[in-house]
Every structure is written in C-alpha cells, then in structure tokens.
Amino acid sequence: MTAMNLLKIIKNAYVQQGVSIHDKHFEIIFKQMLSMATIVDPGDSDYLPDQLVPLVDIKRFNREILEGNAKVEENRKWVIGKTLAKRIIAETEEGELVELAQKGDEVTEELLKKIIEAGIKEIDVFEKDKVVTYQILPKEPIKYKRRLLSLKKAALNYPGWLSAAAFEETAWVLTAAAIEGKVDPLIGLKENVIVGQLIPAGTGLDVFAGIQVEETPRAAVEEELA
C-alpha cells in the first residue's frame, strides 16, 4: 500500500505540471527504497531485533524455514535407528545442563521423544560415514516490518558493496566490506559497468552467453546487394 500511495502522490505532482512519466520509472525507484526491512522478531535466525536487513534475505530465510518445517514429520521417522554424531545436552527449567544422549547412541523413539520435549530442533546423525543434520521440530520464521529508506540510505545499503562504494561515503563502505569479508555477486547493472563486463540485461544475460551466430547464405547475399 505504501508503494501505491507514493506512486499516486508523486505522479500527481508531475501530472499537475503537465509532465507525463510512465509508472515503471517510479516503480524501479520505489522498489529500491522499500528493499530493506527491520527485524521485529528474529525467530530462529541469527539476526537481532531492530536490525536492518535486505528484504530478499528475509524472504529467502523464511522460505527455507517453511520448507524445513514441512519435512519435520518425515525426518522424525527417518532418524529412528540412526547413530548420533554429537552428544545432546538440554537445559532444565532450573537452568541446569543435563546430558540426554552421548555420541554414538542409537536414536530410539523414546530418546527422540525426550529430545523433542527438551525443545531441541535439530540433531546430527551418521549416515554413510557422513554427518547429516535433521530438523525434528518446527522453526520460527522471521517477523519483520518493511522500511521506507531515503535514496541515499537505500543506495548505501545495497547488497553489492561495489555499487554502494561508487555512490557516497566510499571509504566507510569499503572499510565495512573489508572488515565483514563481503563478496559482491555482481548481480546489478552498476557494478558490472564499473568492472567493465557485460551487464545482466538483454544479450548480456547468461541465457545468451553460449549462443553462436552463423551467417546464412541468404544473409550474405543481402549484405552484398546492400
């Protein structure tokens, strides 16, 4: 609703001055201004309350949570009879740590019930000489609130640090990227222009990367006639 209200108000201002601009130009700007969200409840993520996070990352995490929750019942049946790869420790209501199982113990229905009652959501088991993690309790998704950022703040909070550094506060952006060990995936137009490679649009898309254009006899004749 915020984006629609912005579009209506700002487009009105241009229309009153006799300037007609297509909605798509405003929508691209609004999409970037609304690309971040504030964490209200981090759920089972590693984010902190009130942290500003890209909306794309939140939606990706919540999608993975929902997909994992759908497999909980199947995972509970699958782990029965498996061997634990790590010992399991739970905390009692009094704050004491209690060992529920040791590494190498077989997962039985009784042990699985105790682990679930203790609120442990994942266990590691051996499977063909590999350690595999199975989710046995539903996880909580992230609850968030979308934020409307200014153009400057939206540009500086862009996921790609190269694009943000080319906008403003270059030293701060580069320093933060170096400390956090960020990697720029080069998914936008601006960062690809900066490094001098094809932009991800039109014939620059990966789908066209392996296409070879061969000249047909008809095309050669038409070129000669021209």
Protein backbone atom coordinates (compact mmCIF):
# COMPACT_ATOMS: atom_id res chain seq x y z
CA MET A 1 0.00 0.00 0.00
CA THR A 2 2.91 2.38 0.78
CA ALA A 3 4.34 1.97 -2.72
CA MET A 4 0.94 2.61 -4.33
CA ASN A 5 0.41 5.73 -2.22
CA LEU A 6 3.87 7.03 -3.14
CA LEU A 7 3.22 6.37 -6.82
CA LYS A 8 -0.12 8.19 -6.70
CA ILE A 9 1.18 11.25 -4.82
CA ILE A 10 4.43 11.75 -6.75
CA LYS A 11 2.90 11.05 -10.17
CA ASN A 12 0.15 13.58 -9.35
CA ALA A 13 2.80 16.24 -8.72
CA TYR A 14 4.26 15.69 -12.20
CA VAL A 15 0.85 15.49 -13.91
CA GLN A 16 -0.16 18.87 -12.42
CA GLN A 17 2.88 20.39 -14.13
CA GLY A 18 1.94 18.78 -17.44
CA VAL A 19 4.67 16.11 -17.30
CA SER A 20 3.64 12.53 -18.03
CA ILE A 21 6.02 9.81 -16.79
CA HIS A 22 5.36 6.08 -17.07
CA ASP A 23 4.74 4.22 -13.80
CA LYS A 24 7.66 1.82 -14.37
CA HIS A 25 10.24 4.58 -13.80
CA PHE A 26 8.80 5.39 -10.36
CA GLU A 27 8.34 1.71 -9.52
CA ILE A 28 12.04 0.96 -10.03
CA ILE A 29 12.97 3.73 -7.57
CA PHE A 30 10.33 2.71 -5.01
CA LYS A 31 11.43 -0.92 -5.18
CA GLN A 32 14.92 0.12 -4.12
CA MET A 33 13.63 2.44 -1.39
CA LEU A 34 11.49 -0.40 0.03
CA SER A 35 14.16 -3.09 -0.34
CA MET A 36 15.06 -3.18 3.38
CA ALA A 37 13.14 -4.32 6.46
CA THR A 38 13.53 -4.05 10.24
CA ILE A 39 13.57 -7.27 12.28
CA VAL A 40 10.67 -7.34 14.76
CA ASP A 41 11.14 -10.94 15.93
CA PRO A 42 14.26 -12.80 14.68
CA GLY A 43 12.65 -16.22 15.23
CA ASP A 44 15.30 -18.93 14.75
CA SER A 45 17.61 -16.72 12.69
CA ASP A 46 20.90 -15.11 13.78
CA TYR A 47 19.58 -11.58 13.24
CA LEU A 48 18.97 -9.12 16.08
CA PRO A 49 15.79 -7.15 16.84
CA ASP A 50 15.64 -3.78 15.05
CA GLN A 51 18.42 -4.86 12.65
CA LEU A 52 18.09 -3.52 9.11
CA VAL A 53 18.22 -6.46 6.69
CA PRO A 54 17.62 -6.78 2.92
CA LEU A 55 14.07 -7.97 2.30
CA VAL A 56 15.35 -10.55 -0.19
CA ASP A 57 17.42 -12.25 2.53
CA ILE A 58 14.48 -12.35 4.95
CA LYS A 59 12.15 -13.89 2.38
CA ARG A 60 14.79 -16.45 1.40
CA PHE A 61 15.30 -17.45 5.07
CA ASN A 62 11.54 -17.71 5.72
CA ARG A 63 11.09 -19.82 2.60
CA GLU A 64 13.80 -22.21 3.79
CA ILE A 65 12.17 -22.36 7.25
CA LEU A 66 8.78 -23.28 5.78
CA GLU A 67 10.34 -25.93 3.56
CA GLY A 68 12.20 -27.40 6.55
CA ASN A 69 9.07 -27.37 8.75
CA ALA A 70 7.20 -29.35 6.08
CA LYS A 71 9.74 -32.18 6.44
CA VAL A 72 9.68 -32.46 10.25
CA GLU A 73 7.36 -35.47 10.47
CA GLU A 74 9.29 -37.28 7.74
CA ASN A 75 12.61 -36.53 9.46
CA ARG A 76 11.39 -37.91 12.80
CA LYS A 77 10.69 -41.26 11.16
CA TRP A 78 13.94 -41.18 9.20
CA VAL A 79 16.27 -40.67 12.23
CA ILE A 80 14.93 -43.69 14.13
CA GLY A 81 17.68 -46.31 14.24
CA LYS A 82 20.42 -43.83 13.24
CA THR A 83 23.56 -43.20 15.32
CA LEU A 84 24.08 -39.81 16.95
CA ALA A 85 27.09 -37.87 15.67
CA LYS A 86 27.15 -35.47 18.63
CA ARG A 87 26.08 -35.70 22.23
CA ILE A 88 22.85 -33.95 23.15
CA ILE A 89 22.65 -31.59 26.12
CA ALA A 90 19.49 -29.87 27.29
CA GLU A 91 18.80 -27.15 29.84
CA THR A 92 16.25 -27.78 32.61
CA GLU A 93 13.81 -25.18 33.95
CA GLU A 94 16.21 -24.63 36.88
CA GLY A 95 18.97 -23.71 34.43
CA GLU A 96 20.96 -26.93 34.87
CA LEU A 97 22.55 -28.72 31.94
CA VAL A 98 21.54 -32.36 31.52
CA GLU A 99 23.01 -34.85 29.06
CA LEU A 100 20.22 -36.61 27.19
CA ALA A 101 22.39 -38.78 24.94
CA GLN A 102 26.02 -39.42 24.11
CA LYS A 103 27.78 -39.53 20.78
CA GLY A 104 27.30 -42.98 19.24
CA ASP A 105 23.94 -43.69 20.92
CA GLU A 106 21.19 -45.11 18.74
CA VAL A 107 18.16 -42.88 18.22
CA THR A 108 15.10 -44.71 19.57
CA GLU A 109 11.51 -43.50 19.72
CA GLU A 110 11.87 -42.95 23.48
CA LEU A 111 15.10 -40.94 23.09
CA LEU A 112 13.62 -38.92 20.23
CA LYS A 113 10.61 -38.07 22.42
CA LYS A 114 12.91 -36.79 25.20
CA ILE A 115 14.88 -34.68 22.72
CA ILE A 116 11.68 -33.15 21.31
CA GLU A 117 10.31 -32.44 24.80
CA ALA A 118 13.59 -30.66 25.61
CA GLY A 119 12.91 -28.29 22.70
CA ILE A 120 15.92 -29.33 20.61
CA LYS A 121 15.09 -28.65 16.98
CA GLU A 122 17.97 -30.35 15.16
CA ILE A 123 20.11 -33.44 15.69
CA ASP A 124 23.21 -34.71 13.88
CA VAL A 125 23.40 -38.37 12.91
CA PHE A 126 25.81 -40.58 10.98
CA GLU A 127 24.66 -41.58 7.51
CA LYS A 128 27.03 -43.50 5.22
CA ASP A 129 30.10 -42.21 7.11
CA LYS A 130 28.81 -38.64 6.81
CA VAL A 131 27.29 -36.35 9.43
CA VAL A 132 23.79 -35.25 8.40
CA THR A 133 21.62 -32.72 10.25
CA TYR A 134 17.89 -33.41 10.54
CA GLN A 135 15.27 -30.94 11.73
CA ILE A 136 12.88 -32.60 14.21
CA LEU A 137 10.92 -29.58 15.47
CA PRO A 138 9.35 -26.67 13.55
CA LYS A 139 11.39 -23.46 13.50
CA GLU A 140 10.09 -19.92 13.86
CA PRO A 141 10.26 -17.65 10.79
CA ILE A 142 11.36 -14.02 10.94
CA LYS A 143 8.77 -11.37 11.66
CA TYR A 144 9.66 -8.07 10.05
CA LYS A 145 8.43 -4.62 9.13
CA ARG A 146 9.30 -3.03 5.78
CA ARG A 147 11.17 0.27 5.89
CA LEU A 148 10.97 3.20 3.51
CA LEU A 149 14.53 4.49 3.11
CA SER A 150 15.78 7.67 1.52
CA LEU A 151 17.53 7.31 -1.84
CA LYS A 152 20.92 7.87 -0.19
CA LYS A 153 20.39 5.27 2.54
CA ALA A 154 18.89 2.80 0.08
CA ALA A 155 21.96 3.13 -2.16
CA LEU A 156 24.39 2.71 0.76
CA ASN A 157 22.53 -0.40 1.99
CA TYR A 158 22.59 -2.08 -1.42
CA PRO A 159 23.71 -5.74 -1.08
CA GLY A 160 26.56 -5.21 -3.56
CA TRP A 161 29.30 -3.17 -1.84
CA LEU A 162 30.87 -2.09 -5.14
CA SER A 163 27.74 -0.21 -6.20
CA ALA A 164 27.36 1.35 -2.74
CA ALA A 165 31.01 2.47 -2.68
CA ALA A 166 30.59 4.20 -6.03
CA PHE A 167 27.70 6.30 -4.67
CA GLU A 168 28.82 8.07 -1.47
CA GLU A 169 30.95 7.54 1.65
CA THR A 170 33.36 5.36 -0.33
CA ALA A 171 35.92 4.96 2.48
CA TRP A 172 33.26 3.87 5.00
CA VAL A 173 31.66 1.37 2.60
CA LEU A 174 34.99 -0.18 1.57
CA THR A 175 36.18 -0.40 5.17
CA ALA A 176 32.96 -2.09 6.31
CA ALA A 177 33.09 -4.51 3.36
CA ALA A 178 36.72 -5.42 4.15
CA ILE A 179 36.03 -5.98 7.87
CA GLU A 180 32.97 -8.14 7.19
CA GLY A 181 34.67 -10.02 4.35
CA LYS A 182 31.84 -9.27 1.93
CA VAL A 183 31.74 -10.71 -1.58
CA ASP A 184 29.98 -8.77 -4.34
CA PRO A 185 27.98 -11.18 -6.56
CA LEU A 186 27.84 -8.57 -9.38
CA ILE A 187 24.12 -9.03 -10.00
CA GLY A 188 23.26 -5.40 -10.74
CA LEU A 189 23.89 -3.10 -13.70
CA LYS A 190 26.09 -0.51 -12.00
CA GLU A 191 28.70 -2.88 -10.56
CA ASN A 192 29.08 -4.69 -13.90
CA VAL A 193 29.64 -1.35 -15.66
CA ILE A 194 32.30 -0.47 -13.05
CA VAL A 195 34.30 -3.67 -13.61
CA GLY A 196 33.84 -3.44 -17.38
CA GLN A 197 31.91 -6.57 -18.19
CA LEU A 198 28.54 -7.27 -19.85
CA ILE A 199 25.58 -6.02 -17.89
CA PRO A 200 22.99 -8.65 -16.87
CA ALA A 201 20.36 -7.39 -19.32
CA GLY A 202 19.44 -8.11 -22.93
CA THR A 203 22.17 -10.09 -24.71
CA GLY A 204 24.31 -9.81 -21.58
CA LEU A 205 22.14 -12.39 -19.79
CA ASP A 206 23.63 -15.85 -19.15
CA VAL A 207 20.99 -17.45 -21.37
CA PHE A 208 22.61 -15.81 -24.41
CA ALA A 209 26.23 -16.47 -23.36
CA GLY A 210 26.60 -19.73 -25.29
CA ILE A 211 24.77 -18.69 -28.47
CA GLN A 212 26.82 -18.62 -31.66
CA VAL A 213 25.57 -16.54 -34.59
CA GLU A 214 26.28 -18.05 -38.01
CA GLU A 215 25.83 -16.18 -41.25
CA THR A 216 23.35 -17.81 -43.64
CA PRO A 217 23.82 -17.71 -47.46
CA ARG A 218 20.72 -15.53 -47.79
CA ALA A 219 22.08 -13.00 -45.28
CA ALA A 220 25.41 -12.90 -47.15
CA VAL A 221 23.67 -12.22 -50.48
CA GLU A 222 21.51 -9.46 -48.95
CA GLU A 223 24.65 -7.88 -47.45
CA GLU A 224 26.37 -7.88 -50.86
CA LEU A 225 23.34 -6.34 -52.57
CA ALA A 226 23.20 -3.62 -49.93
